[in-house]
N, C-alpha and C. Protein backbone atom coordinates (compact mmCIF):
# COMPACT_ATOMS: atom_id res chain seq x y z
N MET A 1 -10.19 18.86 76.25
CA MET A 1 -10.82 20.16 76.04
C MET A 1 -11.83 20.36 77.16
N SER A 2 -11.46 21.18 78.12
CA SER A 2 -12.23 21.30 79.36
C SER A 2 -13.68 21.71 79.16
N SER A 3 -13.97 22.46 78.10
CA SER A 3 -15.34 22.91 77.89
C SER A 3 -16.19 21.88 77.15
N SER A 4 -15.61 20.76 76.76
CA SER A 4 -16.34 19.69 76.10
C SER A 4 -17.04 18.83 77.14
N GLY A 5 -18.33 18.59 76.95
CA GLY A 5 -19.06 17.72 77.86
C GLY A 5 -18.52 16.31 77.86
N ASN A 6 -18.10 15.82 76.70
CA ASN A 6 -17.56 14.46 76.62
C ASN A 6 -16.25 14.34 77.38
N CYS A 7 -15.45 15.39 77.41
CA CYS A 7 -14.23 15.38 78.21
C CYS A 7 -14.56 15.59 79.68
N TYR A 8 -15.48 16.51 79.94
CA TYR A 8 -15.85 16.82 81.32
C TYR A 8 -16.36 15.61 82.07
N LYS A 9 -17.14 14.76 81.42
CA LYS A 9 -17.70 13.61 82.13
C LYS A 9 -16.59 12.73 82.70
N LEU A 10 -15.45 12.66 82.01
CA LEU A 10 -14.33 11.86 82.50
C LEU A 10 -13.65 12.53 83.68
N ARG A 11 -13.47 13.85 83.57
CA ARG A 11 -12.88 14.58 84.71
C ARG A 11 -13.77 14.44 85.93
N LEU A 12 -15.08 14.59 85.74
CA LEU A 12 -16.01 14.50 86.86
C LEU A 12 -15.90 13.13 87.53
N LEU A 13 -15.93 12.07 86.76
CA LEU A 13 -15.84 10.73 87.35
C LEU A 13 -14.49 10.52 88.03
N ALA A 14 -13.41 10.95 87.41
CA ALA A 14 -12.08 10.81 88.02
C ALA A 14 -12.02 11.53 89.36
N GLU A 15 -12.63 12.72 89.43
CA GLU A 15 -12.64 13.46 90.69
C GLU A 15 -13.53 12.77 91.73
N LEU A 16 -14.70 12.30 91.31
CA LEU A 16 -15.59 11.61 92.25
C LEU A 16 -14.94 10.36 92.82
N LEU A 17 -14.14 9.68 91.99
CA LEU A 17 -13.45 8.46 92.42
C LEU A 17 -12.08 8.73 93.03
N GLN A 18 -11.65 9.97 93.01
CA GLN A 18 -10.33 10.37 93.50
C GLN A 18 -9.21 9.59 92.79
N LEU A 19 -9.36 9.47 91.46
CA LEU A 19 -8.34 8.80 90.66
C LEU A 19 -7.23 9.79 90.30
N PRO A 20 -5.99 9.37 90.39
CA PRO A 20 -4.92 10.27 89.93
C PRO A 20 -4.91 10.30 88.40
N TYR A 21 -4.70 11.48 87.83
CA TYR A 21 -4.65 11.59 86.38
C TYR A 21 -3.90 12.85 86.00
N GLU A 22 -3.42 12.86 84.76
CA GLU A 22 -2.84 14.07 84.19
C GLU A 22 -3.76 14.51 83.07
N TRP A 23 -4.20 15.75 83.13
CA TRP A 23 -5.11 16.31 82.13
C TRP A 23 -4.27 17.08 81.11
N ILE A 24 -4.37 16.72 79.85
CA ILE A 24 -3.65 17.44 78.80
C ILE A 24 -4.69 18.19 77.97
N GLU A 25 -4.67 19.49 78.09
CA GLU A 25 -5.67 20.34 77.43
C GLU A 25 -5.36 20.45 75.94
N LEU A 26 -6.35 20.17 75.11
CA LEU A 26 -6.24 20.31 73.66
C LEU A 26 -7.45 21.09 73.16
N ASP A 27 -7.23 22.02 72.26
CA ASP A 27 -8.32 22.77 71.65
C ASP A 27 -8.53 22.20 70.25
N ILE A 28 -9.61 21.45 70.08
CA ILE A 28 -9.84 20.78 68.80
C ILE A 28 -9.99 21.77 67.66
N ARG A 29 -10.33 23.01 67.98
CA ARG A 29 -10.52 24.02 66.94
C ARG A 29 -9.20 24.39 66.25
N THR A 30 -8.08 24.04 66.86
CA THR A 30 -6.77 24.34 66.27
C THR A 30 -6.31 23.29 65.27
N GLY A 31 -7.02 22.16 65.20
CA GLY A 31 -6.63 21.08 64.30
C GLY A 31 -5.63 20.11 64.89
N VAL A 32 -5.30 20.27 66.16
CA VAL A 32 -4.28 19.42 66.79
C VAL A 32 -4.69 17.95 66.79
N THR A 33 -5.97 17.66 66.86
CA THR A 33 -6.39 16.26 66.89
C THR A 33 -6.41 15.62 65.51
N ARG A 34 -6.10 16.39 64.48
CA ARG A 34 -6.02 15.86 63.12
C ARG A 34 -4.58 15.68 62.67
N GLN A 35 -3.65 15.91 63.58
CA GLN A 35 -2.24 15.74 63.27
C GLN A 35 -1.80 14.31 63.59
N ALA A 36 -0.74 13.88 62.91
CA ALA A 36 -0.30 12.49 62.99
C ALA A 36 -0.05 12.02 64.42
N GLU A 37 0.53 12.86 65.26
CA GLU A 37 0.84 12.43 66.63
C GLU A 37 -0.43 12.05 67.38
N PHE A 38 -1.47 12.87 67.26
CA PHE A 38 -2.71 12.54 67.96
C PHE A 38 -3.42 11.37 67.28
N LEU A 39 -3.43 11.35 65.96
CA LEU A 39 -4.11 10.27 65.23
C LEU A 39 -3.50 8.91 65.52
N SER A 40 -2.23 8.88 65.91
CA SER A 40 -1.62 7.59 66.29
C SER A 40 -2.20 7.08 67.60
N LYS A 41 -2.79 7.96 68.39
CA LYS A 41 -3.43 7.58 69.66
C LYS A 41 -4.92 7.31 69.48
N ASN A 42 -5.54 8.08 68.61
CA ASN A 42 -6.97 7.93 68.34
C ASN A 42 -7.21 8.23 66.86
N PRO A 43 -7.29 7.19 66.03
CA PRO A 43 -7.45 7.40 64.59
C PRO A 43 -8.70 8.19 64.21
N ASN A 44 -9.67 8.28 65.11
CA ASN A 44 -10.88 9.05 64.85
C ASN A 44 -10.64 10.55 65.05
N GLY A 45 -9.51 10.91 65.65
CA GLY A 45 -9.14 12.31 65.79
C GLY A 45 -10.04 13.14 66.68
N ARG A 46 -10.52 12.53 67.77
CA ARG A 46 -11.43 13.24 68.67
C ARG A 46 -10.96 13.15 70.11
N VAL A 47 -11.43 14.11 70.88
CA VAL A 47 -11.23 14.04 72.33
C VAL A 47 -12.55 13.65 72.96
N PRO A 48 -12.48 12.96 74.10
CA PRO A 48 -11.30 12.61 74.88
C PRO A 48 -10.65 11.33 74.38
N THR A 49 -9.40 11.19 74.74
CA THR A 49 -8.65 9.96 74.54
C THR A 49 -7.88 9.71 75.82
N LEU A 50 -7.98 8.51 76.34
CA LEU A 50 -7.31 8.14 77.57
C LEU A 50 -6.06 7.32 77.26
N GLU A 51 -4.93 7.73 77.82
CA GLU A 51 -3.75 6.88 77.79
C GLU A 51 -3.72 6.15 79.12
N TYR A 52 -4.03 4.85 79.11
CA TYR A 52 -4.17 4.10 80.36
C TYR A 52 -2.91 3.35 80.73
N GLU A 53 -2.03 3.16 79.77
CA GLU A 53 -0.69 2.63 79.99
C GLU A 53 0.17 3.32 78.96
N SER A 54 1.45 3.34 79.17
CA SER A 54 2.33 3.98 78.21
C SER A 54 2.12 3.36 76.82
N GLY A 55 1.70 4.19 75.89
CA GLY A 55 1.50 3.74 74.52
C GLY A 55 0.18 3.04 74.24
N ARG A 56 -0.69 2.90 75.24
CA ARG A 56 -1.99 2.25 75.04
C ARG A 56 -3.09 3.25 75.32
N HIS A 57 -4.04 3.31 74.39
CA HIS A 57 -5.05 4.36 74.43
C HIS A 57 -6.45 3.79 74.29
N LEU A 58 -7.40 4.53 74.84
CA LEU A 58 -8.81 4.18 74.75
C LEU A 58 -9.57 5.44 74.36
N ALA A 59 -10.42 5.32 73.36
CA ALA A 59 -11.22 6.45 72.88
C ALA A 59 -12.69 6.22 73.22
N GLU A 60 -13.49 7.21 72.94
CA GLU A 60 -14.95 7.24 73.15
C GLU A 60 -15.25 7.42 74.64
N SER A 61 -15.86 8.55 74.94
CA SER A 61 -16.05 8.97 76.33
C SER A 61 -16.79 7.95 77.18
N ASP A 62 -17.83 7.34 76.65
CA ASP A 62 -18.60 6.42 77.48
C ASP A 62 -17.84 5.11 77.70
N ALA A 63 -17.05 4.67 76.73
CA ALA A 63 -16.20 3.49 76.95
C ALA A 63 -15.17 3.79 78.03
N ILE A 64 -14.63 4.99 78.02
CA ILE A 64 -13.66 5.39 79.04
C ILE A 64 -14.34 5.46 80.41
N LEU A 65 -15.57 5.96 80.46
CA LEU A 65 -16.30 5.99 81.73
C LEU A 65 -16.41 4.59 82.32
N VAL A 66 -16.78 3.61 81.50
CA VAL A 66 -16.93 2.23 81.98
C VAL A 66 -15.58 1.72 82.48
N TYR A 67 -14.53 1.98 81.73
CA TYR A 67 -13.18 1.54 82.13
C TYR A 67 -12.80 2.14 83.49
N LEU A 68 -13.03 3.43 83.66
CA LEU A 68 -12.66 4.10 84.92
C LEU A 68 -13.54 3.64 86.08
N ALA A 69 -14.80 3.36 85.81
CA ALA A 69 -15.75 3.01 86.86
C ALA A 69 -15.67 1.56 87.30
N GLU A 70 -15.06 0.70 86.51
CA GLU A 70 -14.98 -0.73 86.83
C GLU A 70 -14.49 -0.93 88.27
N GLY A 71 -15.25 -1.72 89.03
CA GLY A 71 -14.87 -2.01 90.41
C GLY A 71 -15.30 -0.96 91.41
N SER A 72 -15.99 0.09 90.96
CA SER A 72 -16.46 1.14 91.86
C SER A 72 -17.99 1.10 91.95
N ALA A 73 -18.53 1.91 92.84
CA ALA A 73 -19.98 2.01 92.98
C ALA A 73 -20.64 2.65 91.77
N PHE A 74 -19.87 3.30 90.91
CA PHE A 74 -20.44 3.96 89.73
C PHE A 74 -20.71 2.97 88.59
N TRP A 75 -20.17 1.75 88.68
CA TRP A 75 -20.46 0.70 87.71
C TRP A 75 -21.31 -0.32 88.43
N PRO A 76 -22.60 -0.43 88.07
CA PRO A 76 -23.53 -1.26 88.84
C PRO A 76 -23.07 -2.71 88.99
N GLY A 77 -23.48 -3.30 90.09
CA GLY A 77 -23.05 -4.66 90.41
C GLY A 77 -23.82 -5.76 89.72
N SER A 78 -25.10 -5.55 89.44
CA SER A 78 -25.88 -6.63 88.85
C SER A 78 -25.84 -6.57 87.33
N ARG A 79 -26.01 -7.71 86.73
CA ARG A 79 -25.99 -7.82 85.27
C ARG A 79 -27.04 -6.92 84.62
N LEU A 80 -28.26 -6.95 85.15
CA LEU A 80 -29.34 -6.13 84.59
C LEU A 80 -29.04 -4.65 84.77
N ASP A 81 -28.57 -4.25 85.94
CA ASP A 81 -28.25 -2.84 86.17
C ASP A 81 -27.13 -2.36 85.25
N ARG A 82 -26.14 -3.21 85.00
CA ARG A 82 -25.08 -2.83 84.05
C ARG A 82 -25.65 -2.65 82.65
N ALA A 83 -26.54 -3.54 82.25
CA ALA A 83 -27.17 -3.41 80.93
C ALA A 83 -28.02 -2.14 80.86
N GLN A 84 -28.72 -1.81 81.94
CA GLN A 84 -29.52 -0.59 81.95
C GLN A 84 -28.62 0.65 81.92
N ALA A 85 -27.48 0.59 82.60
CA ALA A 85 -26.54 1.72 82.52
C ALA A 85 -26.08 1.91 81.08
N LEU A 86 -25.76 0.82 80.41
CA LEU A 86 -25.35 0.91 79.00
C LEU A 86 -26.50 1.41 78.14
N GLN A 87 -27.71 0.98 78.43
CA GLN A 87 -28.88 1.45 77.69
C GLN A 87 -28.95 2.97 77.74
N TRP A 88 -28.79 3.55 78.93
CA TRP A 88 -28.86 5.01 79.07
C TRP A 88 -27.66 5.70 78.43
N MET A 89 -26.51 5.04 78.45
CA MET A 89 -25.33 5.61 77.82
C MET A 89 -25.48 5.61 76.29
N PHE A 90 -26.09 4.56 75.76
CA PHE A 90 -26.38 4.55 74.31
C PHE A 90 -27.40 5.62 73.98
N PHE A 91 -28.42 5.77 74.82
CA PHE A 91 -29.40 6.84 74.65
C PHE A 91 -28.70 8.20 74.62
N GLU A 92 -27.76 8.39 75.54
CA GLU A 92 -27.03 9.67 75.61
C GLU A 92 -26.29 9.94 74.30
N GLN A 93 -25.65 8.93 73.74
CA GLN A 93 -24.85 9.13 72.55
C GLN A 93 -25.68 9.25 71.27
N TYR A 94 -26.85 8.63 71.24
CA TYR A 94 -27.63 8.60 69.99
C TYR A 94 -28.89 9.47 70.01
N SER A 95 -29.47 9.72 71.18
CA SER A 95 -30.73 10.45 71.23
C SER A 95 -30.63 11.77 71.99
N HIS A 96 -29.50 12.05 72.60
CA HIS A 96 -29.35 13.20 73.47
C HIS A 96 -28.20 14.09 72.99
N GLU A 97 -26.99 13.59 73.05
CA GLU A 97 -25.79 14.37 72.72
C GLU A 97 -25.82 14.95 71.31
N PRO A 98 -26.28 14.21 70.28
CA PRO A 98 -26.27 14.79 68.93
C PRO A 98 -27.14 16.04 68.78
N TYR A 99 -28.04 16.26 69.69
CA TYR A 99 -28.93 17.42 69.61
C TYR A 99 -28.56 18.48 70.64
N ILE A 100 -28.43 18.08 71.88
CA ILE A 100 -28.16 19.05 72.94
C ILE A 100 -26.73 19.58 72.84
N ALA A 101 -25.77 18.70 72.61
CA ALA A 101 -24.37 19.15 72.50
C ALA A 101 -24.14 19.95 71.22
N VAL A 102 -24.74 19.53 70.13
CA VAL A 102 -24.53 20.23 68.86
C VAL A 102 -25.18 21.62 68.92
N ALA A 103 -26.36 21.73 69.53
CA ALA A 103 -26.98 23.05 69.69
C ALA A 103 -26.08 23.94 70.55
N ARG A 104 -25.49 23.39 71.58
CA ARG A 104 -24.57 24.16 72.43
C ARG A 104 -23.37 24.64 71.62
N PHE A 105 -22.81 23.76 70.82
CA PHE A 105 -21.67 24.12 69.96
C PHE A 105 -22.04 25.28 69.04
N ILE A 106 -23.17 25.16 68.38
CA ILE A 106 -23.60 26.20 67.43
C ILE A 106 -23.81 27.53 68.15
N CYS A 107 -24.49 27.48 69.28
CA CYS A 107 -24.81 28.73 70.00
C CYS A 107 -23.57 29.39 70.61
N LEU A 108 -22.65 28.58 71.11
CA LEU A 108 -21.48 29.14 71.80
C LEU A 108 -20.32 29.48 70.87
N LEU A 109 -20.15 28.72 69.82
CA LEU A 109 -18.91 28.84 69.05
C LEU A 109 -19.07 29.40 67.64
N LEU A 110 -20.27 29.45 67.12
CA LEU A 110 -20.44 29.92 65.75
C LEU A 110 -21.06 31.32 65.75
N PRO A 111 -20.67 32.16 64.82
CA PRO A 111 -21.23 33.52 64.77
C PRO A 111 -22.73 33.50 64.47
N ALA A 112 -23.39 34.57 64.87
CA ALA A 112 -24.85 34.67 64.74
C ALA A 112 -25.33 34.46 63.31
N GLU A 113 -24.53 34.85 62.33
CA GLU A 113 -24.95 34.73 60.93
C GLU A 113 -24.54 33.40 60.28
N HIS A 114 -23.96 32.51 61.07
CA HIS A 114 -23.49 31.23 60.51
C HIS A 114 -24.66 30.40 59.99
N PRO A 115 -24.52 29.76 58.83
CA PRO A 115 -25.63 28.98 58.26
C PRO A 115 -26.08 27.81 59.13
N ARG A 116 -25.19 27.28 59.97
CA ARG A 116 -25.59 26.15 60.81
C ARG A 116 -26.64 26.54 61.85
N ARG A 117 -26.83 27.82 62.07
CA ARG A 117 -27.87 28.24 63.01
C ARG A 117 -29.25 27.82 62.51
N GLY A 118 -29.36 27.57 61.23
CA GLY A 118 -30.61 27.07 60.67
C GLY A 118 -30.97 25.67 61.16
N GLU A 119 -30.02 24.96 61.74
CA GLU A 119 -30.25 23.61 62.29
C GLU A 119 -30.91 23.64 63.67
N LEU A 120 -30.89 24.81 64.31
CA LEU A 120 -31.29 24.86 65.72
C LEU A 120 -32.73 24.42 65.97
N ALA A 121 -33.66 24.76 65.10
CA ALA A 121 -35.06 24.37 65.33
C ALA A 121 -35.18 22.84 65.41
N ARG A 122 -34.55 22.14 64.49
CA ARG A 122 -34.59 20.68 64.50
C ARG A 122 -33.85 20.11 65.71
N LEU A 123 -32.69 20.68 66.03
CA LEU A 123 -31.93 20.23 67.19
C LEU A 123 -32.72 20.43 68.47
N HIS A 124 -33.41 21.55 68.58
CA HIS A 124 -34.23 21.79 69.77
C HIS A 124 -35.40 20.80 69.85
N GLU A 125 -36.03 20.55 68.74
CA GLU A 125 -37.14 19.58 68.73
C GLU A 125 -36.68 18.23 69.25
N ARG A 126 -35.59 17.73 68.70
CA ARG A 126 -35.09 16.40 69.09
C ARG A 126 -34.49 16.42 70.50
N GLY A 127 -33.82 17.51 70.86
CA GLY A 127 -33.27 17.62 72.21
C GLY A 127 -34.36 17.64 73.27
N TYR A 128 -35.44 18.35 72.98
CA TYR A 128 -36.56 18.38 73.93
C TYR A 128 -37.21 16.99 74.04
N GLN A 129 -37.23 16.23 72.97
CA GLN A 129 -37.74 14.86 73.05
C GLN A 129 -36.89 14.04 74.02
N ALA A 130 -35.56 14.19 73.94
CA ALA A 130 -34.67 13.45 74.84
C ALA A 130 -34.88 13.90 76.29
N LEU A 131 -35.00 15.20 76.49
CA LEU A 131 -35.22 15.71 77.85
C LEU A 131 -36.55 15.20 78.41
N ALA A 132 -37.57 15.07 77.57
CA ALA A 132 -38.86 14.55 78.02
C ALA A 132 -38.75 13.09 78.45
N VAL A 133 -37.96 12.30 77.73
CA VAL A 133 -37.72 10.90 78.12
C VAL A 133 -37.04 10.87 79.49
N MET A 134 -36.04 11.72 79.67
CA MET A 134 -35.34 11.79 80.95
C MET A 134 -36.28 12.22 82.07
N GLU A 135 -37.10 13.22 81.81
CA GLU A 135 -38.04 13.72 82.81
C GLU A 135 -39.00 12.62 83.25
N GLN A 136 -39.52 11.89 82.30
CA GLN A 136 -40.46 10.81 82.62
C GLN A 136 -39.79 9.77 83.52
N HIS A 137 -38.56 9.40 83.20
CA HIS A 137 -37.84 8.40 83.98
C HIS A 137 -37.51 8.94 85.38
N LEU A 138 -37.01 10.16 85.44
CA LEU A 138 -36.57 10.73 86.72
C LEU A 138 -37.73 11.16 87.61
N ALA A 139 -38.92 11.23 87.08
CA ALA A 139 -40.09 11.54 87.90
C ALA A 139 -40.38 10.41 88.89
N ARG A 140 -39.84 9.23 88.59
CA ARG A 140 -40.10 8.04 89.42
C ARG A 140 -38.89 7.59 90.22
N ARG A 141 -37.73 8.19 89.99
CA ARG A 141 -36.52 7.71 90.67
C ARG A 141 -35.49 8.81 90.77
N ALA A 142 -34.55 8.65 91.68
CA ALA A 142 -33.54 9.68 91.93
C ALA A 142 -32.41 9.66 90.91
N PHE A 143 -32.07 8.47 90.40
CA PHE A 143 -30.98 8.32 89.45
C PHE A 143 -31.43 7.40 88.32
N PHE A 144 -30.62 7.28 87.29
CA PHE A 144 -31.06 6.52 86.12
C PHE A 144 -31.07 5.02 86.34
N VAL A 145 -30.14 4.50 87.14
CA VAL A 145 -30.06 3.06 87.39
C VAL A 145 -29.85 2.84 88.88
N GLY A 146 -30.66 2.02 89.50
CA GLY A 146 -30.47 1.74 90.91
C GLY A 146 -30.77 2.95 91.78
N GLU A 147 -30.21 2.94 92.97
CA GLU A 147 -30.52 3.96 93.96
C GLU A 147 -29.41 4.99 94.13
N THR A 148 -28.32 4.83 93.39
CA THR A 148 -27.20 5.76 93.52
C THR A 148 -26.72 6.21 92.14
N CYS A 149 -25.91 7.23 92.14
CA CYS A 149 -25.34 7.76 90.90
C CYS A 149 -24.45 6.71 90.24
N SER A 150 -24.60 6.57 88.93
CA SER A 150 -23.79 5.61 88.17
C SER A 150 -23.19 6.31 86.95
N VAL A 151 -22.44 5.55 86.17
CA VAL A 151 -21.87 6.10 84.94
C VAL A 151 -22.96 6.62 84.00
N ALA A 152 -24.16 6.05 84.06
CA ALA A 152 -25.25 6.54 83.22
C ALA A 152 -25.59 7.98 83.58
N ASP A 153 -25.62 8.27 84.86
CA ASP A 153 -25.90 9.64 85.31
C ASP A 153 -24.78 10.59 84.89
N ILE A 154 -23.54 10.16 85.06
CA ILE A 154 -22.40 11.01 84.69
C ILE A 154 -22.45 11.31 83.20
N ALA A 155 -22.72 10.29 82.38
CA ALA A 155 -22.78 10.47 80.93
C ALA A 155 -23.86 11.49 80.55
N LEU A 156 -25.04 11.36 81.14
CA LEU A 156 -26.15 12.25 80.79
C LEU A 156 -26.03 13.63 81.42
N PHE A 157 -25.37 13.72 82.55
CA PHE A 157 -25.24 15.01 83.24
C PHE A 157 -24.42 16.00 82.42
N ALA A 158 -23.37 15.53 81.78
CA ALA A 158 -22.38 16.42 81.17
C ALA A 158 -23.00 17.50 80.28
N TYR A 159 -23.83 17.09 79.35
CA TYR A 159 -24.45 18.09 78.47
C TYR A 159 -25.82 18.56 78.96
N THR A 160 -26.52 17.75 79.75
CA THR A 160 -27.83 18.19 80.24
C THR A 160 -27.71 19.42 81.11
N HIS A 161 -26.76 19.43 82.02
CA HIS A 161 -26.67 20.56 82.96
C HIS A 161 -26.27 21.85 82.24
N ALA A 162 -25.71 21.72 81.04
CA ALA A 162 -25.30 22.88 80.24
C ALA A 162 -26.23 23.12 79.05
N ALA A 163 -27.41 22.49 79.08
CA ALA A 163 -28.33 22.57 77.93
C ALA A 163 -28.75 24.00 77.62
N SER A 164 -28.82 24.84 78.62
CA SER A 164 -29.23 26.24 78.37
C SER A 164 -28.24 26.95 77.45
N ASP A 165 -26.98 26.52 77.44
CA ASP A 165 -26.00 27.09 76.51
C ASP A 165 -26.43 26.91 75.05
N GLY A 166 -27.22 25.87 74.80
CA GLY A 166 -27.70 25.60 73.45
C GLY A 166 -29.12 26.10 73.21
N GLY A 167 -29.64 26.88 74.13
CA GLY A 167 -30.97 27.45 73.95
C GLY A 167 -32.10 26.61 74.51
N PHE A 168 -31.79 25.59 75.30
CA PHE A 168 -32.83 24.74 75.89
C PHE A 168 -33.28 25.33 77.23
N ASP A 169 -34.59 25.29 77.47
CA ASP A 169 -35.16 25.77 78.72
C ASP A 169 -35.49 24.57 79.60
N LEU A 170 -34.77 24.42 80.69
CA LEU A 170 -34.99 23.28 81.59
C LEU A 170 -36.09 23.53 82.61
N GLN A 171 -36.70 24.71 82.61
CA GLN A 171 -37.74 25.02 83.60
C GLN A 171 -38.92 24.06 83.50
N ARG A 172 -39.18 23.54 82.33
CA ARG A 172 -40.33 22.64 82.18
C ARG A 172 -40.02 21.20 82.59
N TYR A 173 -38.82 20.97 83.14
CA TYR A 173 -38.38 19.62 83.53
C TYR A 173 -37.95 19.61 85.00
N PRO A 174 -38.89 19.67 85.93
CA PRO A 174 -38.52 19.74 87.35
C PRO A 174 -37.76 18.50 87.84
N ALA A 175 -38.08 17.33 87.34
CA ALA A 175 -37.37 16.12 87.79
C ALA A 175 -35.92 16.14 87.29
N VAL A 176 -35.71 16.61 86.08
CA VAL A 176 -34.35 16.73 85.54
C VAL A 176 -33.57 17.75 86.37
N ARG A 177 -34.19 18.88 86.69
CA ARG A 177 -33.49 19.91 87.48
C ARG A 177 -33.15 19.39 88.87
N ALA A 178 -34.04 18.62 89.49
CA ALA A 178 -33.76 18.04 90.80
C ALA A 178 -32.62 17.03 90.72
N TRP A 179 -32.58 16.26 89.64
CA TRP A 179 -31.49 15.30 89.42
C TRP A 179 -30.16 16.03 89.24
N ILE A 180 -30.16 17.12 88.47
CA ILE A 180 -28.94 17.92 88.30
C ILE A 180 -28.44 18.38 89.67
N ALA A 181 -29.34 18.84 90.52
CA ALA A 181 -28.96 19.30 91.85
C ALA A 181 -28.37 18.15 92.68
N ARG A 182 -28.91 16.94 92.52
CA ARG A 182 -28.36 15.79 93.26
C ARG A 182 -26.94 15.48 92.80
N ILE A 183 -26.69 15.56 91.50
CA ILE A 183 -25.34 15.30 90.99
C ILE A 183 -24.39 16.39 91.52
N GLU A 184 -24.81 17.63 91.45
CA GLU A 184 -23.96 18.73 91.90
C GLU A 184 -23.68 18.69 93.40
N ALA A 185 -24.51 17.97 94.15
CA ALA A 185 -24.32 17.85 95.60
C ALA A 185 -23.42 16.67 95.98
N LEU A 186 -22.98 15.88 95.01
CA LEU A 186 -22.11 14.75 95.33
C LEU A 186 -20.79 15.23 95.92
N PRO A 187 -20.25 14.48 96.88
CA PRO A 187 -18.93 14.85 97.41
C PRO A 187 -17.88 14.83 96.29
N ARG A 188 -17.03 15.82 96.27
CA ARG A 188 -15.94 15.97 95.29
C ARG A 188 -16.42 16.36 93.89
N PHE A 189 -17.70 16.81 93.78
CA PHE A 189 -18.19 17.29 92.50
C PHE A 189 -17.33 18.46 92.02
N VAL A 190 -17.05 18.50 90.72
CA VAL A 190 -16.34 19.64 90.11
C VAL A 190 -17.17 20.14 88.93
N PRO A 191 -17.26 21.45 88.77
CA PRO A 191 -18.03 22.01 87.65
C PRO A 191 -17.27 21.91 86.33
N MET A 192 -17.99 22.04 85.24
CA MET A 192 -17.38 22.06 83.92
C MET A 192 -16.79 23.44 83.66
N ALA A 193 -15.66 23.49 82.99
CA ALA A 193 -15.05 24.77 82.64
C ALA A 193 -15.95 25.52 81.66
N ALA A 194 -15.95 26.82 81.78
CA ALA A 194 -16.72 27.65 80.86
C ALA A 194 -16.08 27.66 79.48
N GLU A 195 -16.89 27.84 78.46
CA GLU A 195 -16.39 27.95 77.09
C GLU A 195 -15.64 29.26 76.95
N HIS A 196 -14.50 29.20 76.26
CA HIS A 196 -13.72 30.42 76.05
C HIS A 196 -13.35 30.57 74.59
């Protein structure tokens, strides 16, 4: 699903690494990921799912990022740097994505009168907390781990750069905005598809 940040992060890394791949577009809103054929590939019924060999699949976007990045400059070389990359990827999945991505979903895909809009105040509070953590870290360094872009940056970039779709104002986070610009300036960078 091209407009999903979790799917986009994989496309972005594949393009940055110039990996050959076939993209199969699925719209989760149609229920296709809850059908038996898809569930046989990913019992959790979510995208993205990577078929890395015929009949063998890997789920969870950040696990797929690590798999794709193995042996490249995007997967840090030192033991501590790899652990720090995972630390930021866990932060992305537990302290960032549940608020910033969910607010984006509500704002972009649900009607104005939908009851879930009542969640936005709490989502914004928690999302701004995550952005503040990122701002503090990026005020001292160009990327999340080491001196170059890593899978941690790719994981966090996907929904951060689209945070305004969920009602977040990034103007108060100059270090985050500068980091976004650094990611967008990478050779072979590709933008995320717009929601339709």
